[in-house]
């Protein structure tokens, strides 16, 4: 995944820099969430790079990486569909854990020589970007929960 493919939504201090046109409208479905879109880009990139892994990794590292990447978007979607803000936050925290799992598996792929250092760094930067935006989404959801009480 190249840095150009990743949508830039916020900087480290969570200030919005380049809001996407889709974020201007109301969020009606999990597919409207910028964090889900970003996680989807990461998942697509993971599927792409794992196609180049050796066959003996099909049921090991390839499978682990793909399942962790799918877990990110799946947990964001499931949390969105839950009744309460607190449940949504819990699923987002699970998604966050899956991003860290992806980062660890990328390190394993790099160490095994399946991934060039530059590509591993780009993928890791994409994963860190998902974490940033996910943290912002969790904070915003926590604020909504506090304002509801």
N, C-alpha and C. Protein backbone atom coordinates (compact mmCIF):
# COMPACT_ATOMS: atom_id res chain seq x y z
N UNK A 1 0.86 -1.16 0.00
CA UNK A 1 0.00 0.00 0.00
C UNK A 1 0.91 1.22 0.00
N UNK A 2 0.73 2.07 -0.93
CA UNK A 2 1.55 3.27 -0.97
C UNK A 2 0.90 4.36 -0.14
N UNK A 3 1.72 5.31 0.27
CA UNK A 3 1.21 6.42 1.07
C UNK A 3 0.18 7.24 0.27
N UNK A 4 0.34 7.26 -1.05
CA UNK A 4 -0.59 8.02 -1.89
C UNK A 4 -1.99 7.42 -1.87
N UNK A 5 -2.09 6.10 -1.71
CA UNK A 5 -3.40 5.44 -1.71
C UNK A 5 -4.16 5.67 -0.41
N UNK A 6 -3.44 5.95 0.67
CA UNK A 6 -4.09 6.13 1.96
C UNK A 6 -4.73 7.52 2.01
N UNK A 7 -5.94 7.58 2.47
CA UNK A 7 -6.65 8.84 2.60
C UNK A 7 -6.16 9.54 3.85
N UNK A 8 -5.73 10.79 3.72
CA UNK A 8 -5.27 11.53 4.88
C UNK A 8 -6.46 12.24 5.51
N UNK A 9 -6.76 11.87 6.75
CA UNK A 9 -7.92 12.43 7.41
C UNK A 9 -7.55 13.32 8.59
N UNK A 10 -6.48 13.00 9.31
CA UNK A 10 -6.11 13.78 10.47
C UNK A 10 -4.62 13.62 10.73
N UNK A 11 -4.08 14.53 11.52
CA UNK A 11 -2.68 14.44 11.90
C UNK A 11 -2.60 13.85 13.30
N UNK A 12 -1.41 13.68 13.81
CA UNK A 12 -1.21 13.06 15.13
C UNK A 12 -2.03 13.74 16.21
N UNK A 13 -2.17 15.06 16.16
CA UNK A 13 -2.91 15.75 17.21
C UNK A 13 -4.41 15.79 16.92
N UNK A 14 -4.85 14.97 15.99
CA UNK A 14 -6.27 14.76 15.68
C UNK A 14 -6.96 15.97 15.06
N UNK A 15 -6.22 16.91 14.53
CA UNK A 15 -6.85 18.01 13.81
C UNK A 15 -7.18 17.52 12.41
N UNK A 16 -8.38 17.80 11.95
CA UNK A 16 -8.77 17.39 10.62
C UNK A 16 -7.98 18.22 9.61
N UNK A 17 -7.34 17.53 8.67
CA UNK A 17 -6.52 18.22 7.68
C UNK A 17 -7.20 18.21 6.32
N UNK A 18 -7.55 17.05 5.84
CA UNK A 18 -8.20 16.91 4.54
C UNK A 18 -9.43 16.03 4.69
N UNK A 19 -10.56 16.60 5.05
CA UNK A 19 -11.75 15.75 5.18
C UNK A 19 -12.17 15.22 3.82
N UNK A 20 -12.58 13.97 3.81
CA UNK A 20 -13.02 13.40 2.55
C UNK A 20 -14.42 13.91 2.22
N UNK A 21 -14.76 14.00 0.94
CA UNK A 21 -16.10 14.47 0.57
C UNK A 21 -17.20 13.61 1.17
N UNK A 22 -16.94 12.33 1.35
CA UNK A 22 -17.96 11.43 1.91
C UNK A 22 -18.28 11.77 3.35
N UNK A 23 -17.31 12.33 4.10
CA UNK A 23 -17.55 12.61 5.51
C UNK A 23 -18.43 13.83 5.72
N UNK A 24 -18.73 14.57 4.67
CA UNK A 24 -19.57 15.76 4.79
C UNK A 24 -21.03 15.39 5.03
N UNK A 25 -21.46 14.24 4.56
CA UNK A 25 -22.85 13.82 4.70
C UNK A 25 -23.09 13.03 5.97
N UNK A 26 -24.35 12.72 6.22
CA UNK A 26 -24.68 11.94 7.42
C UNK A 26 -24.19 10.50 7.30
N UNK A 27 -23.84 9.92 8.43
CA UNK A 27 -23.40 8.53 8.47
C UNK A 27 -24.64 7.67 8.68
N UNK A 28 -24.98 6.90 7.67
CA UNK A 28 -26.16 6.05 7.73
C UNK A 28 -25.80 4.57 7.83
N UNK A 29 -24.57 4.25 7.48
CA UNK A 29 -24.13 2.87 7.45
C UNK A 29 -22.64 2.82 7.80
N UNK A 30 -22.16 1.68 8.25
CA UNK A 30 -20.75 1.57 8.59
C UNK A 30 -19.86 1.87 7.39
N UNK A 31 -20.35 1.65 6.18
CA UNK A 31 -19.56 1.92 4.98
C UNK A 31 -19.37 3.41 4.76
N UNK A 32 -20.11 4.25 5.48
CA UNK A 32 -19.94 5.71 5.40
C UNK A 32 -18.82 6.20 6.30
N UNK A 33 -18.36 5.38 7.23
CA UNK A 33 -17.33 5.78 8.19
C UNK A 33 -15.97 5.86 7.51
N UNK A 34 -15.29 6.97 7.69
CA UNK A 34 -13.94 7.12 7.13
C UNK A 34 -12.99 6.07 7.68
N UNK A 35 -13.13 5.73 8.96
CA UNK A 35 -12.25 4.73 9.55
C UNK A 35 -12.45 3.37 8.90
N UNK A 36 -13.68 3.01 8.57
CA UNK A 36 -13.93 1.73 7.91
C UNK A 36 -13.34 1.75 6.50
N UNK A 37 -13.48 2.87 5.79
CA UNK A 37 -12.93 2.99 4.44
C UNK A 37 -11.42 2.84 4.45
N UNK A 38 -10.78 3.46 5.43
CA UNK A 38 -9.32 3.38 5.55
C UNK A 38 -8.89 1.95 5.88
N UNK A 39 -9.61 1.31 6.79
CA UNK A 39 -9.31 -0.08 7.15
C UNK A 39 -9.53 -1.00 5.95
N UNK A 40 -10.52 -0.69 5.14
CA UNK A 40 -10.77 -1.48 3.93
C UNK A 40 -9.59 -1.38 2.96
N UNK A 41 -9.04 -0.18 2.81
CA UNK A 41 -7.86 0.00 1.96
C UNK A 41 -6.70 -0.84 2.47
N UNK A 42 -6.52 -0.85 3.78
CA UNK A 42 -5.46 -1.66 4.37
C UNK A 42 -5.71 -3.14 4.09
N UNK A 43 -6.94 -3.59 4.28
CA UNK A 43 -7.30 -4.99 4.03
C UNK A 43 -7.01 -5.38 2.58
N UNK A 44 -7.38 -4.51 1.64
CA UNK A 44 -7.13 -4.78 0.22
C UNK A 44 -5.64 -4.89 -0.06
N UNK A 45 -4.86 -4.02 0.56
CA UNK A 45 -3.40 -4.06 0.37
C UNK A 45 -2.81 -5.33 0.97
N UNK A 46 -3.33 -5.76 2.11
CA UNK A 46 -2.85 -7.00 2.74
C UNK A 46 -3.13 -8.19 1.82
N UNK A 47 -4.34 -8.24 1.27
CA UNK A 47 -4.67 -9.34 0.37
C UNK A 47 -3.75 -9.33 -0.85
N UNK A 48 -3.44 -8.16 -1.33
CA UNK A 48 -2.57 -8.03 -2.50
C UNK A 48 -1.16 -8.55 -2.20
N UNK A 49 -0.58 -8.10 -1.10
CA UNK A 49 0.81 -8.52 -0.82
C UNK A 49 0.91 -9.99 -0.45
N UNK A 50 -0.12 -10.53 0.20
CA UNK A 50 -0.02 -11.93 0.60
C UNK A 50 -0.11 -12.88 -0.59
N UNK A 51 -0.56 -12.40 -1.73
CA UNK A 51 -0.57 -13.23 -2.94
C UNK A 51 0.85 -13.58 -3.38
N UNK A 52 1.82 -12.77 -2.95
CA UNK A 52 3.21 -13.00 -3.34
C UNK A 52 3.96 -13.88 -2.35
N UNK A 53 3.34 -14.23 -1.22
CA UNK A 53 4.01 -15.05 -0.22
C UNK A 53 4.16 -16.48 -0.74
N UNK A 54 5.16 -17.20 -0.24
CA UNK A 54 5.35 -18.59 -0.68
C UNK A 54 4.16 -19.47 -0.33
N UNK A 55 3.97 -20.52 -1.11
CA UNK A 55 2.86 -21.43 -0.91
C UNK A 55 2.82 -22.08 0.46
N UNK A 56 4.01 -22.33 1.03
CA UNK A 56 4.02 -22.98 2.35
C UNK A 56 3.46 -22.08 3.46
N UNK A 57 3.29 -20.79 3.15
CA UNK A 57 2.72 -19.86 4.13
C UNK A 57 1.21 -19.71 3.97
N UNK A 58 0.61 -20.42 3.03
CA UNK A 58 -0.82 -20.27 2.75
C UNK A 58 -1.68 -20.43 4.00
N UNK A 59 -1.38 -21.44 4.81
CA UNK A 59 -2.20 -21.70 5.99
C UNK A 59 -1.56 -21.18 7.28
N UNK A 60 -0.50 -20.42 7.13
CA UNK A 60 0.19 -19.89 8.31
C UNK A 60 0.13 -18.36 8.26
N UNK A 61 1.20 -17.73 7.82
CA UNK A 61 1.29 -16.28 7.87
C UNK A 61 0.26 -15.60 6.95
N UNK A 62 0.06 -16.13 5.76
CA UNK A 62 -0.92 -15.54 4.83
C UNK A 62 -2.31 -15.55 5.47
N UNK A 63 -2.68 -16.68 6.01
CA UNK A 63 -4.00 -16.81 6.63
C UNK A 63 -4.13 -15.89 7.84
N UNK A 64 -3.11 -15.86 8.68
CA UNK A 64 -3.15 -15.01 9.88
C UNK A 64 -3.28 -13.53 9.53
N UNK A 65 -2.49 -13.09 8.55
CA UNK A 65 -2.52 -11.69 8.13
C UNK A 65 -3.88 -11.32 7.56
N UNK A 66 -4.40 -12.17 6.71
CA UNK A 66 -5.70 -11.90 6.08
C UNK A 66 -6.83 -11.89 7.11
N UNK A 67 -6.80 -12.84 8.02
CA UNK A 67 -7.87 -12.88 9.04
C UNK A 67 -7.80 -11.67 9.96
N UNK A 68 -6.60 -11.25 10.33
CA UNK A 68 -6.46 -10.07 11.17
C UNK A 68 -6.96 -8.82 10.44
N UNK A 69 -6.63 -8.71 9.16
CA UNK A 69 -7.08 -7.56 8.36
C UNK A 69 -8.59 -7.55 8.21
N UNK A 70 -9.18 -8.72 8.00
CA UNK A 70 -10.65 -8.80 7.90
C UNK A 70 -11.31 -8.48 9.23
N UNK A 71 -10.66 -8.84 10.30
CA UNK A 71 -11.20 -8.59 11.63
C UNK A 71 -11.33 -7.10 11.92
N UNK A 72 -10.45 -6.30 11.37
CA UNK A 72 -10.49 -4.84 11.60
C UNK A 72 -11.81 -4.29 11.07
N UNK A 73 -12.07 -4.50 9.79
CA UNK A 73 -13.30 -3.94 9.20
C UNK A 73 -14.54 -4.61 9.78
N UNK A 74 -14.46 -5.91 10.05
CA UNK A 74 -15.62 -6.62 10.60
C UNK A 74 -16.00 -6.09 11.98
N UNK A 75 -15.02 -5.82 12.82
CA UNK A 75 -15.32 -5.31 14.15
C UNK A 75 -15.85 -3.88 14.11
N UNK A 76 -15.34 -3.07 13.21
CA UNK A 76 -15.87 -1.70 13.05
C UNK A 76 -17.34 -1.79 12.62
N UNK A 77 -17.62 -2.66 11.66
CA UNK A 77 -18.99 -2.84 11.18
C UNK A 77 -19.90 -3.38 12.27
N UNK A 78 -19.44 -4.39 12.99
CA UNK A 78 -20.28 -4.97 14.04
C UNK A 78 -20.54 -3.97 15.16
N UNK A 79 -19.53 -3.21 15.53
CA UNK A 79 -19.72 -2.19 16.56
C UNK A 79 -20.73 -1.14 16.13
N UNK A 80 -20.68 -0.76 14.86
CA UNK A 80 -21.63 0.23 14.34
C UNK A 80 -23.06 -0.30 14.46
N UNK A 81 -23.24 -1.58 14.29
CA UNK A 81 -24.56 -2.18 14.34
C UNK A 81 -25.08 -2.46 15.74
N UNK A 82 -24.26 -2.26 16.74
CA UNK A 82 -24.67 -2.52 18.12
C UNK A 82 -25.57 -1.40 18.64
N UNK A 83 -26.30 -1.71 19.67
CA UNK A 83 -27.31 -0.80 20.21
C UNK A 83 -26.70 0.38 20.95
N UNK A 84 -25.65 0.15 21.72
CA UNK A 84 -25.14 1.23 22.57
C UNK A 84 -23.78 1.73 22.09
N UNK A 85 -23.48 2.95 22.51
CA UNK A 85 -22.17 3.52 22.20
C UNK A 85 -21.07 2.70 22.85
N UNK A 86 -21.32 2.22 24.07
CA UNK A 86 -20.30 1.45 24.78
C UNK A 86 -19.96 0.17 24.05
N UNK A 87 -20.96 -0.51 23.50
CA UNK A 87 -20.70 -1.72 22.73
C UNK A 87 -19.90 -1.37 21.47
N UNK A 88 -20.27 -0.27 20.82
CA UNK A 88 -19.55 0.17 19.63
C UNK A 88 -18.07 0.40 19.98
N UNK A 89 -17.83 1.08 21.08
CA UNK A 89 -16.45 1.36 21.50
C UNK A 89 -15.69 0.07 21.75
N UNK A 90 -16.33 -0.90 22.40
CA UNK A 90 -15.67 -2.18 22.68
C UNK A 90 -15.25 -2.89 21.39
N UNK A 91 -16.12 -2.90 20.40
CA UNK A 91 -15.76 -3.52 19.13
C UNK A 91 -14.66 -2.75 18.42
N UNK A 92 -14.66 -1.44 18.55
CA UNK A 92 -13.58 -0.63 17.96
C UNK A 92 -12.25 -0.92 18.64
N UNK A 93 -12.29 -1.18 19.93
CA UNK A 93 -11.06 -1.55 20.64
C UNK A 93 -10.55 -2.91 20.15
N UNK A 94 -11.46 -3.82 19.86
CA UNK A 94 -11.04 -5.11 19.30
C UNK A 94 -10.43 -4.90 17.91
N UNK A 95 -11.03 -4.01 17.12
CA UNK A 95 -10.49 -3.69 15.80
C UNK A 95 -9.08 -3.12 15.94
N UNK A 96 -8.90 -2.27 16.94
CA UNK A 96 -7.59 -1.66 17.18
C UNK A 96 -6.56 -2.74 17.50
N UNK A 97 -6.95 -3.71 18.31
CA UNK A 97 -6.05 -4.83 18.60
C UNK A 97 -5.68 -5.60 17.35
N UNK A 98 -6.63 -5.76 16.45
CA UNK A 98 -6.36 -6.47 15.19
C UNK A 98 -5.39 -5.69 14.31
N UNK A 99 -5.43 -4.37 14.38
CA UNK A 99 -4.46 -3.57 13.60
C UNK A 99 -3.06 -3.84 14.14
N UNK A 100 -2.92 -3.89 15.45
CA UNK A 100 -1.61 -4.19 16.02
C UNK A 100 -1.16 -5.61 15.65
N UNK A 101 -2.10 -6.53 15.58
CA UNK A 101 -1.78 -7.88 15.13
C UNK A 101 -1.26 -7.85 13.69
N UNK A 102 -1.91 -7.09 12.83
CA UNK A 102 -1.45 -6.94 11.45
C UNK A 102 -0.03 -6.40 11.42
N UNK A 103 0.24 -5.39 12.25
CA UNK A 103 1.59 -4.80 12.28
C UNK A 103 2.62 -5.85 12.67
N UNK A 104 2.29 -6.69 13.65
CA UNK A 104 3.23 -7.73 14.06
C UNK A 104 3.45 -8.75 12.94
N UNK A 105 2.38 -9.15 12.27
CA UNK A 105 2.52 -10.11 11.17
C UNK A 105 3.32 -9.51 10.00
N UNK A 106 3.17 -8.22 9.78
CA UNK A 106 3.99 -7.56 8.74
C UNK A 106 5.47 -7.63 9.10
N UNK A 107 5.77 -7.48 10.38
CA UNK A 107 7.16 -7.60 10.84
C UNK A 107 7.67 -9.02 10.61
N UNK A 108 6.81 -10.00 10.87
CA UNK A 108 7.19 -11.39 10.61
C UNK A 108 7.47 -11.62 9.13
N UNK A 109 6.64 -11.05 8.27
CA UNK A 109 6.83 -11.18 6.82
C UNK A 109 8.13 -10.52 6.38
N UNK A 110 8.44 -9.38 6.96
CA UNK A 110 9.69 -8.69 6.66
C UNK A 110 10.88 -9.54 7.10
N UNK A 111 10.81 -10.05 8.34
CA UNK A 111 11.90 -10.86 8.88
C UNK A 111 12.13 -12.14 8.08
N UNK A 112 11.05 -12.70 7.53
CA UNK A 112 11.16 -13.94 6.75
C UNK A 112 11.61 -13.67 5.31
N UNK A 113 11.70 -12.39 4.93
CA UNK A 113 12.13 -12.04 3.58
C UNK A 113 11.02 -12.08 2.55
N UNK A 114 9.77 -12.12 2.99
CA UNK A 114 8.64 -12.16 2.07
C UNK A 114 8.21 -10.77 1.62
N UNK A 115 8.70 -9.76 2.30
CA UNK A 115 8.26 -8.39 2.05
C UNK A 115 9.47 -7.47 2.04
N UNK A 116 9.65 -6.67 0.98
CA UNK A 116 10.75 -5.70 0.97
C UNK A 116 10.57 -4.66 2.07
N UNK A 117 11.65 -4.14 2.59
CA UNK A 117 11.61 -3.20 3.71
C UNK A 117 10.76 -1.97 3.39
N UNK A 118 10.88 -1.45 2.17
CA UNK A 118 10.11 -0.25 1.80
C UNK A 118 8.61 -0.54 1.84
N UNK A 119 8.21 -1.68 1.28
CA UNK A 119 6.80 -2.04 1.26
C UNK A 119 6.28 -2.31 2.67
N UNK A 120 7.11 -2.94 3.49
CA UNK A 120 6.73 -3.21 4.88
C UNK A 120 6.53 -1.89 5.62
N UNK A 121 7.39 -0.93 5.39
CA UNK A 121 7.27 0.38 6.04
C UNK A 121 6.01 1.11 5.58
N UNK A 122 5.69 1.03 4.30
CA UNK A 122 4.47 1.66 3.78
C UNK A 122 3.22 1.01 4.37
N UNK A 123 3.24 -0.30 4.45
CA UNK A 123 2.11 -1.02 5.03
C UNK A 123 1.94 -0.68 6.50
N UNK A 124 3.07 -0.61 7.21
CA UNK A 124 3.01 -0.28 8.64
C UNK A 124 2.50 1.14 8.84
N UNK A 125 2.91 2.06 7.97
CA UNK A 125 2.41 3.44 8.06
C UNK A 125 0.90 3.47 7.82
N UNK A 126 0.42 2.66 6.89
CA UNK A 126 -1.01 2.57 6.65
C UNK A 126 -1.75 2.03 7.86
N UNK A 127 -1.18 1.02 8.50
CA UNK A 127 -1.79 0.44 9.69
C UNK A 127 -1.81 1.47 10.83
N UNK A 128 -0.72 2.20 10.99
CA UNK A 128 -0.68 3.23 12.03
C UNK A 128 -1.70 4.33 11.77
N UNK A 129 -1.93 4.61 10.51
CA UNK A 129 -2.95 5.61 10.13
C UNK A 129 -4.34 5.12 10.55
N UNK A 130 -4.61 3.85 10.33
CA UNK A 130 -5.90 3.28 10.74
C UNK A 130 -6.05 3.42 12.26
N UNK A 131 -4.98 3.16 13.00
CA UNK A 131 -5.03 3.30 14.46
C UNK A 131 -5.36 4.73 14.86
N UNK A 132 -4.71 5.69 14.22
CA UNK A 132 -4.98 7.11 14.53
C UNK A 132 -6.44 7.45 14.33
N UNK A 133 -6.98 7.10 13.19
CA UNK A 133 -8.35 7.46 12.87
C UNK A 133 -9.32 6.67 13.76
N UNK A 134 -8.99 5.44 14.04
CA UNK A 134 -9.82 4.63 14.93
C UNK A 134 -9.84 5.23 16.34
N UNK A 135 -8.69 5.69 16.81
CA UNK A 135 -8.65 6.36 18.12
C UNK A 135 -9.54 7.60 18.13
N UNK A 136 -9.52 8.36 17.06
CA UNK A 136 -10.38 9.54 16.95
C UNK A 136 -11.85 9.17 16.95
N UNK A 137 -12.19 8.09 16.25
CA UNK A 137 -13.57 7.62 16.21
C UNK A 137 -14.03 7.15 17.59
N UNK A 138 -13.15 6.47 18.30
CA UNK A 138 -13.47 6.02 19.66
C UNK A 138 -13.71 7.23 20.56
N UNK A 139 -12.82 8.23 20.48
CA UNK A 139 -13.00 9.44 21.31
C UNK A 139 -14.31 10.15 20.98
N UNK A 140 -14.64 10.26 19.71
CA UNK A 140 -15.89 10.92 19.31
C UNK A 140 -17.10 10.14 19.82
N UNK A 141 -17.02 8.82 19.76
CA UNK A 141 -18.12 7.99 20.24
C UNK A 141 -18.25 8.09 21.75
N UNK A 142 -17.12 8.17 22.46
CA UNK A 142 -17.16 8.35 23.91
C UNK A 142 -17.82 9.69 24.27
N UNK A 143 -17.53 10.73 23.50
CA UNK A 143 -18.16 12.03 23.75
C UNK A 143 -19.65 11.96 23.53
N UNK A 144 -20.07 11.26 22.48
CA UNK A 144 -21.51 11.10 22.23
C UNK A 144 -22.18 10.36 23.38
N UNK A 145 -21.48 9.35 23.89
CA UNK A 145 -22.01 8.58 25.01
C UNK A 145 -22.14 9.46 26.26
N UNK A 146 -21.15 10.28 26.52
CA UNK A 146 -21.17 11.16 27.71
C UNK A 146 -22.27 12.22 27.57
N UNK A 147 -22.46 12.74 26.37
CA UNK A 147 -23.48 13.77 26.15
C UNK A 147 -24.90 13.23 26.25
N UNK A 148 -25.05 11.92 26.05
CA UNK A 148 -26.35 11.29 26.12
C UNK A 148 -26.83 11.10 27.53
N UNK A 149 -25.90 11.04 28.47
CA UNK A 149 -26.28 10.77 29.87
C UNK A 149 -26.86 11.96 30.55
